[in-house]
Amino acid sequence: MSDDTTFMRYQAPEELREPRPMSPEGDIFAWSMVSLEIISRVEPYPRQGTASLLYERTLLDKAPPTLEEHPSPLWEKCPGLWELIRSCQNWDRLQRPGLDYIISKLDEYVEKEDTSS
């Protein structure tokens, strides 16, 4: 975890553009990237091996992680989960969902799983 590309994979775009104190919106972005890796077992932006390639994809192209890069059976099992995670990666930090909304959506998935078991 010592190279720049490792940290860049999880940082919100606004934190990559100009260093600023961490914000709740930046934490939401980071949570989404960590969740993406946990669910798919693939780090965010797996094909961008250097800081310059990662910078180009995230800041210049504004290209988020893709479903093809992060396959998982959980996407089908929990319809809407991919969209929730993607909404947390919104380029505009003020358009990311709040923590209460995220928790309520995750609670829905847990409740659905509990009733189907």
C-alpha atoms as a PDB file:
ATOM      1  CA  MET A   1       0.000   0.000   0.000  1.00  0.00           C
ATOM      2  CA  SER A   2       2.927   2.342  -0.385  1.00  0.00           C
ATOM      3  CA  ASP A   3       2.749   3.377  -4.034  1.00  0.00           C
ATOM      4  CA  ASP A   4       0.671   6.278  -5.344  1.00  0.00           C
ATOM      5  CA  THR A   5      -1.507   4.137  -7.592  1.00  0.00           C
ATOM      6  CA  THR A   6      -2.771   2.104  -4.649  1.00  0.00           C
ATOM      7  CA  PHE A   7      -4.158   5.171  -2.894  1.00  0.00           C
ATOM      8  CA  MET A   8      -5.429   6.742  -6.108  1.00  0.00           C
ATOM      9  CA  ARG A   9      -7.700   3.757  -6.773  1.00  0.00           C
ATOM     10  CA  TYR A  10      -9.809   4.610  -3.730  1.00  0.00           C
ATOM     11  CA  GLN A  11      -9.626   8.414  -3.600  1.00  0.00           C
ATOM     12  CA  ALA A  12     -12.470  10.608  -4.771  1.00  0.00           C
ATOM     13  CA  PRO A  13     -11.735  12.645  -7.902  1.00  0.00           C
ATOM     14  CA  GLU A  14     -11.937  15.920  -6.003  1.00  0.00           C
ATOM     15  CA  GLU A  15      -9.230  14.689  -3.640  1.00  0.00           C
ATOM     16  CA  LEU A  16      -7.022  13.698  -6.563  1.00  0.00           C
ATOM     17  CA  ARG A  17      -7.459  17.075  -8.279  1.00  0.00           C
ATOM     18  CA  GLU A  18      -6.514  19.165  -5.300  1.00  0.00           C
ATOM     19  CA  PRO A  19      -5.545  17.889  -1.890  1.00  0.00           C
ATOM     20  CA  ARG A  20      -8.147  18.897   0.656  1.00  0.00           C
ATOM     21  CA  PRO A  21      -9.351  17.574   3.967  1.00  0.00           C
ATOM     22  CA  MET A  22     -11.321  14.373   3.797  1.00  0.00           C
ATOM     23  CA  SER A  23     -15.062  14.850   3.482  1.00  0.00           C
ATOM     24  CA  PRO A  24     -18.098  12.626   4.009  1.00  0.00           C
ATOM     25  CA  GLU A  25     -18.595  12.613   0.225  1.00  0.00           C
ATOM     26  CA  GLY A  26     -15.008  11.462  -0.264  1.00  0.00           C
ATOM     27  CA  ASP A  27     -15.570   8.722   2.315  1.00  0.00           C
ATOM     28  CA  ILE A  28     -18.673   7.578   0.403  1.00  0.00           C
ATOM     29  CA  PHE A  29     -16.581   7.353  -2.762  1.00  0.00           C
ATOM     30  CA  ALA A  30     -13.836   5.393  -0.976  1.00  0.00           C
ATOM     31  CA  TRP A  31     -16.429   3.044   0.565  1.00  0.00           C
ATOM     32  CA  SER A  32     -17.807   2.311  -2.891  1.00  0.00           C
ATOM     33  CA  MET A  33     -14.375   1.441  -4.251  1.00  0.00           C
ATOM     34  CA  VAL A  34     -13.560  -0.831  -1.305  1.00  0.00           C
ATOM     35  CA  SER A  35     -16.978  -2.495  -1.638  1.00  0.00           C
ATOM     36  CA  LEU A  36     -16.372  -2.989  -5.341  1.00  0.00           C
ATOM     37  CA  GLU A  37     -13.123  -4.781  -4.609  1.00  0.00           C
ATOM     38  CA  ILE A  38     -14.632  -6.927  -1.843  1.00  0.00           C
ATOM     39  CA  ILE A  39     -17.587  -7.977  -4.003  1.00  0.00           C
ATOM     40  CA  SER A  40     -15.641  -8.691  -7.187  1.00  0.00           C
ATOM     41  CA  ARG A  41     -12.225  -9.528  -5.722  1.00  0.00           C
ATOM     42  CA  VAL A  42     -10.702  -7.171  -8.279  1.00  0.00           C
ATOM     43  CA  GLU A  43      -9.075  -3.869  -7.326  1.00  0.00           C
ATOM     44  CA  PRO A  44     -10.575  -0.743  -8.881  1.00  0.00           C
ATOM     45  CA  TYR A  45      -9.111   0.128 -12.274  1.00  0.00           C
ATOM     46  CA  PRO A  46      -7.220  -3.166 -12.602  1.00  0.00           C
ATOM     47  CA  ARG A  47      -5.680  -2.345 -16.006  1.00  0.00           C
ATOM     48  CA  GLN A  48      -4.248   1.012 -14.960  1.00  0.00           C
ATOM     49  CA  GLY A  49      -0.868   0.018 -13.549  1.00  0.00           C
ATOM     50  CA  THR A  50       0.795   3.411 -13.372  1.00  0.00           C
ATOM     51  CA  ALA A  51      -0.194   6.681 -11.742  1.00  0.00           C
ATOM     52  CA  SER A  52      -0.300   8.446 -15.128  1.00  0.00           C
ATOM     53  CA  LEU A  53      -2.683   5.850 -16.626  1.00  0.00           C
ATOM     54  CA  LEU A  54      -4.877   5.975 -13.534  1.00  0.00           C
ATOM     55  CA  TYR A  55      -4.857   9.779 -13.577  1.00  0.00           C
ATOM     56  CA  GLU A  56      -5.837   9.779 -17.246  1.00  0.00           C
ATOM     57  CA  ARG A  57      -8.740   7.398 -16.718  1.00  0.00           C
ATOM     58  CA  THR A  58     -10.127   8.915 -13.536  1.00  0.00           C
ATOM     59  CA  LEU A  59      -9.528  12.632 -13.986  1.00  0.00           C
ATOM     60  CA  LEU A  60      -9.183  13.279 -17.696  1.00  0.00           C
ATOM     61  CA  ASP A  61     -11.609  10.705 -19.094  1.00  0.00           C
ATOM     62  CA  LYS A  62     -13.829  10.637 -15.983  1.00  0.00           C
ATOM     63  CA  ALA A  63     -14.241   6.911 -16.617  1.00  0.00           C
ATOM     64  CA  PRO A  64     -15.545   4.947 -13.612  1.00  0.00           C
ATOM     65  CA  PRO A  65     -14.932   1.253 -12.977  1.00  0.00           C
ATOM     66  CA  THR A  66     -17.001  -0.986 -15.240  1.00  0.00           C
ATOM     67  CA  LEU A  67     -19.143  -4.036 -14.631  1.00  0.00           C
ATOM     68  CA  GLU A  68     -16.960  -6.000 -17.053  1.00  0.00           C
ATOM     69  CA  GLU A  69     -13.890  -5.273 -14.910  1.00  0.00           C
ATOM     70  CA  HIS A  70     -15.715  -6.350 -11.743  1.00  0.00           C
ATOM     71  CA  PRO A  71     -17.791  -9.463 -12.400  1.00  0.00           C
ATOM     72  CA  SER A  72     -19.637 -11.036  -9.490  1.00  0.00           C
ATOM     73  CA  PRO A  73     -22.697 -13.239  -9.028  1.00  0.00           C
ATOM     74  CA  LEU A  74     -23.800 -10.773  -6.350  1.00  0.00           C
ATOM     75  CA  TRP A  75     -24.813  -8.236  -9.002  1.00  0.00           C
ATOM     76  CA  GLU A  76     -27.609 -10.579 -10.117  1.00  0.00           C
ATOM     77  CA  LYS A  77     -28.470 -11.697  -6.614  1.00  0.00           C
ATOM     78  CA  CYS A  78     -28.896  -8.111  -5.401  1.00  0.00           C
ATOM     79  CA  PRO A  79     -30.468  -6.124  -8.249  1.00  0.00           C
ATOM     80  CA  GLY A  80     -29.653  -2.471  -7.807  1.00  0.00           C
ATOM     81  CA  LEU A  81     -26.435  -3.004  -5.858  1.00  0.00           C
ATOM     82  CA  TRP A  82     -24.241  -2.133  -8.850  1.00  0.00           C
ATOM     83  CA  GLU A  83     -26.241   1.064  -9.383  1.00  0.00           C
ATOM     84  CA  LEU A  84     -25.921   1.959  -5.696  1.00  0.00           C
ATOM     85  CA  ILE A  85     -22.161   1.535  -5.778  1.00  0.00           C
ATOM     86  CA  ARG A  86     -21.896   3.451  -9.035  1.00  0.00           C
ATOM     87  CA  SER A  87     -23.976   6.324  -7.631  1.00  0.00           C
ATOM     88  CA  CYS A  88     -21.416   6.596  -4.827  1.00  0.00           C
ATOM     89  CA  GLN A  89     -18.735   7.122  -7.487  1.00  0.00           C
ATOM     90  CA  ASN A  90     -20.465  10.129  -9.039  1.00  0.00           C
ATOM     91  CA  TRP A  91     -17.971  12.647 -10.389  1.00  0.00           C
ATOM     92  CA  ASP A  92     -19.925  15.432  -8.668  1.00  0.00           C
ATOM     93  CA  ARG A  93     -19.442  14.835  -4.957  1.00  0.00           C
ATOM     94  CA  LEU A  94     -22.706  16.580  -4.113  1.00  0.00           C
ATOM     95  CA  GLN A  95     -24.610  14.072  -6.255  1.00  0.00           C
ATOM     96  CA  ARG A  96     -23.383  11.067  -4.243  1.00  0.00           C
ATOM     97  CA  PRO A  97     -25.980   9.517  -1.949  1.00  0.00           C
ATOM     98  CA  GLY A  98     -25.780  10.145   1.763  1.00  0.00           C
ATOM     99  CA  LEU A  99     -24.909   7.571   4.365  1.00  0.00           C
ATOM    100  CA  ASP A 100     -28.510   7.164   5.562  1.00  0.00           C
ATOM    101  CA  TYR A 101     -29.653   6.296   2.042  1.00  0.00           C
ATOM    102  CA  ILE A 102     -26.825   3.795   1.540  1.00  0.00           C
ATOM    103  CA  ILE A 103     -27.542   2.089   4.844  1.00  0.00           C
ATOM    104  CA  SER A 104     -31.267   1.859   4.060  1.00  0.00           C
ATOM    105  CA  LYS A 105     -30.523   0.247   0.682  1.00  0.00           C
ATOM    106  CA  LEU A 106     -28.104  -2.238   2.252  1.00  0.00           C
ATOM    107  CA  ASP A 107     -30.708  -3.030   4.915  1.00  0.00           C
ATOM    108  CA  GLU A 108     -33.169  -3.818   2.106  1.00  0.00           C
ATOM    109  CA  TYR A 109     -30.725  -6.350   0.631  1.00  0.00           C
ATOM    110  CA  VAL A 110     -30.220  -7.988   4.023  1.00  0.00           C
ATOM    111  CA  GLU A 111     -33.964  -8.162   4.683  1.00  0.00           C
ATOM    112  CA  LYS A 112     -34.572  -9.660   1.236  1.00  0.00           C
ATOM    113  CA  GLU A 113     -31.902 -12.272   1.875  1.00  0.00           C
ATOM    114  CA  ASP A 114     -33.344 -13.075   5.316  1.00  0.00           C
ATOM    115  CA  THR A 115     -36.837 -13.663   3.908  1.00  0.00           C
ATOM    116  CA  SER A 116     -35.590 -15.790   1.004  1.00  0.00           C
ATOM    117  CA  SER A 117     -33.510 -18.107   3.229  1.00  0.00           C
END
